[in-house]
Amino acid sequence: MEWWYHEVGSKHSLRDAASIQTQRLEWMKTTGQRIKRLRERKGWTQLELAAQLNINNSVLSRIESGHRPVDDELLVRLADL
C-alpha cells in the first residue's frame, strides 16, 4: 500500500488522496516562497538564515523551493527571529 492510503484511510477514494497530496505540495511551495520573501526582506542570505536556524543551507534551499516540508520546530524557530 502507498503511504497516502494510510494517511487518508480506506473510506477515501484515490482522487481524495491525490487531492490531499496536491494540497500538501502547494502548501510546501507557498510556505517556502514566504520564507524566501521574508529572508530577502531581512537582507539575509540562505547561508546566514540557515546558520541562525542551525540547519544546513541545502535544507533551507529545498524548503524555499518547495521540495521539502517545514517541520513545526523549525517554524517556531523562524517565528522567533
C-alpha atoms as a PDB file:
ATOM      1  CA  MET A   1       0.000   0.000   0.000  1.00  0.00           C
ATOM      2  CA  GLU A   2       1.072   3.548  -0.679  1.00  0.00           C
ATOM      3  CA  TRP A   3       1.822   5.978   2.171  1.00  0.00           C
ATOM      4  CA  TRP A   4      -1.155   8.226   1.347  1.00  0.00           C
ATOM      5  CA  TYR A   5      -3.554   5.310   1.672  1.00  0.00           C
ATOM      6  CA  HIS A   6      -2.687   5.042   5.334  1.00  0.00           C
ATOM      7  CA  GLU A   7      -2.973   8.792   5.849  1.00  0.00           C
ATOM      8  CA  VAL A   8      -6.410   9.259   4.329  1.00  0.00           C
ATOM      9  CA  GLY A   9      -7.907   5.949   5.396  1.00  0.00           C
ATOM     10  CA  SER A  10      -9.707   3.260   3.477  1.00  0.00           C
ATOM     11  CA  LYS A  11     -13.016   5.133   3.119  1.00  0.00           C
ATOM     12  CA  HIS A  12     -11.495   7.802   0.878  1.00  0.00           C
ATOM     13  CA  SER A  13     -11.060   7.409  -2.837  1.00  0.00           C
ATOM     14  CA  LEU A  14      -7.817   7.628  -4.744  1.00  0.00           C
ATOM     15  CA  ARG A  15      -8.969  11.001  -6.037  1.00  0.00           C
ATOM     16  CA  ASP A  16      -9.262  12.261  -2.461  1.00  0.00           C
ATOM     17  CA  ALA A  17      -5.743  11.038  -1.771  1.00  0.00           C
ATOM     18  CA  ALA A  18      -4.454  12.782  -4.901  1.00  0.00           C
ATOM     19  CA  SER A  19      -6.211  15.976  -3.837  1.00  0.00           C
ATOM     20  CA  ILE A  20      -4.635  15.812  -0.391  1.00  0.00           C
ATOM     21  CA  GLN A  21      -1.211  15.269  -1.940  1.00  0.00           C
ATOM     22  CA  THR A  22      -1.745  18.232  -4.283  1.00  0.00           C
ATOM     23  CA  GLN A  23      -2.768  20.448  -1.351  1.00  0.00           C
ATOM     24  CA  ARG A  24       0.259  19.314   0.619  1.00  0.00           C
ATOM     25  CA  LEU A  25       2.643  20.122  -2.241  1.00  0.00           C
ATOM     26  CA  GLU A  26       1.003  23.521  -2.744  1.00  0.00           C
ATOM     27  CA  TRP A  27       1.374  24.287   0.983  1.00  0.00           C
ATOM     28  CA  MET A  28       5.064  23.365   0.861  1.00  0.00           C
ATOM     29  CA  LYS A  29       5.602  25.590  -2.175  1.00  0.00           C
ATOM     30  CA  THR A  30       3.710  28.547  -0.701  1.00  0.00           C
ATOM     31  CA  THR A  31       5.428  28.237   2.678  1.00  0.00           C
ATOM     32  CA  GLY A  32       8.838  28.077   1.028  1.00  0.00           C
ATOM     33  CA  GLN A  33       8.089  31.160  -1.054  1.00  0.00           C
ATOM     34  CA  ARG A  34       7.015  33.078   2.051  1.00  0.00           C
ATOM     35  CA  ILE A  35      10.159  32.079   3.932  1.00  0.00           C
ATOM     36  CA  LYS A  36      12.299  33.187   0.999  1.00  0.00           C
ATOM     37  CA  ARG A  37      10.467  36.505   0.712  1.00  0.00           C
ATOM     38  CA  LEU A  38      10.881  37.196   4.437  1.00  0.00           C
ATOM     39  CA  ARG A  39      14.563  36.189   4.333  1.00  0.00           C
ATOM     40  CA  GLU A  40      15.191  38.559   1.426  1.00  0.00           C
ATOM     41  CA  ARG A  41      13.259  41.344   3.161  1.00  0.00           C
ATOM     42  CA  LYS A  42      15.620  40.975   6.140  1.00  0.00           C
ATOM     43  CA  GLY A  43      18.599  41.094   3.772  1.00  0.00           C
ATOM     44  CA  TRP A  44      19.842  37.636   4.789  1.00  0.00           C
ATOM     45  CA  THR A  45      21.477  35.090   2.522  1.00  0.00           C
ATOM     46  CA  GLN A  46      20.460  31.449   2.695  1.00  0.00           C
ATOM     47  CA  LEU A  47      23.733  30.724   4.483  1.00  0.00           C
ATOM     48  CA  GLU A  48      23.026  33.369   7.121  1.00  0.00           C
ATOM     49  CA  LEU A  49      19.469  32.228   7.802  1.00  0.00           C
ATOM     50  CA  ALA A  50      20.449  28.566   7.805  1.00  0.00           C
ATOM     51  CA  ALA A  51      23.145  29.326  10.388  1.00  0.00           C
ATOM     52  CA  GLN A  52      20.625  31.189  12.579  1.00  0.00           C
ATOM     53  CA  LEU A  53      18.253  28.213  12.363  1.00  0.00           C
ATOM     54  CA  ASN A  54      21.049  25.708  12.907  1.00  0.00           C
ATOM     55  CA  ILE A  55      20.247  23.824   9.698  1.00  0.00           C
ATOM     56  CA  ASN A  56      22.235  23.083   6.561  1.00  0.00           C
ATOM     57  CA  ASN A  57      21.790  25.660   3.800  1.00  0.00           C
ATOM     58  CA  SER A  58      20.811  22.870   1.383  1.00  0.00           C
ATOM     59  CA  VAL A  59      17.855  22.090   3.664  1.00  0.00           C
ATOM     60  CA  LEU A  60      16.804  25.747   3.550  1.00  0.00           C
ATOM     61  CA  SER A  61      17.191  25.779  -0.223  1.00  0.00           C
ATOM     62  CA  ARG A  62      14.914  22.749  -0.571  1.00  0.00           C
ATOM     63  CA  ILE A  63      12.344  24.320   1.767  1.00  0.00           C
ATOM     64  CA  GLU A  64      12.346  27.592  -0.162  1.00  0.00           C
ATOM     65  CA  SER A  65      11.941  25.774  -3.475  1.00  0.00           C
ATOM     66  CA  GLY A  66       9.023  23.734  -2.133  1.00  0.00           C
ATOM     67  CA  HIS A  67      10.826  20.393  -2.263  1.00  0.00           C
ATOM     68  CA  ARG A  68      10.913  19.801   1.489  1.00  0.00           C
ATOM     69  CA  PRO A  69       8.279  20.375   4.162  1.00  0.00           C
ATOM     70  CA  VAL A  70       8.953  22.616   7.142  1.00  0.00           C
ATOM     71  CA  ASP A  71       8.623  20.850  10.473  1.00  0.00           C
ATOM     72  CA  ASP A  72       6.865  22.532  13.371  1.00  0.00           C
ATOM     73  CA  GLU A  73      10.046  23.058  15.377  1.00  0.00           C
ATOM     74  CA  LEU A  74      11.645  24.951  12.509  1.00  0.00           C
ATOM     75  CA  LEU A  75       8.541  27.124  12.088  1.00  0.00           C
ATOM     76  CA  VAL A  76       8.776  28.081  15.758  1.00  0.00           C
ATOM     77  CA  ARG A  77      12.455  28.986  15.383  1.00  0.00           C
ATOM     78  CA  LEU A  78      11.608  31.081  12.306  1.00  0.00           C
ATOM     79  CA  ALA A  79       8.886  32.901  14.207  1.00  0.00           C
ATOM     80  CA  ASP A  80      11.352  33.719  16.991  1.00  0.00           C
ATOM     81  CA  LEU A  81      13.784  35.507  14.620  1.00  0.00           C
END
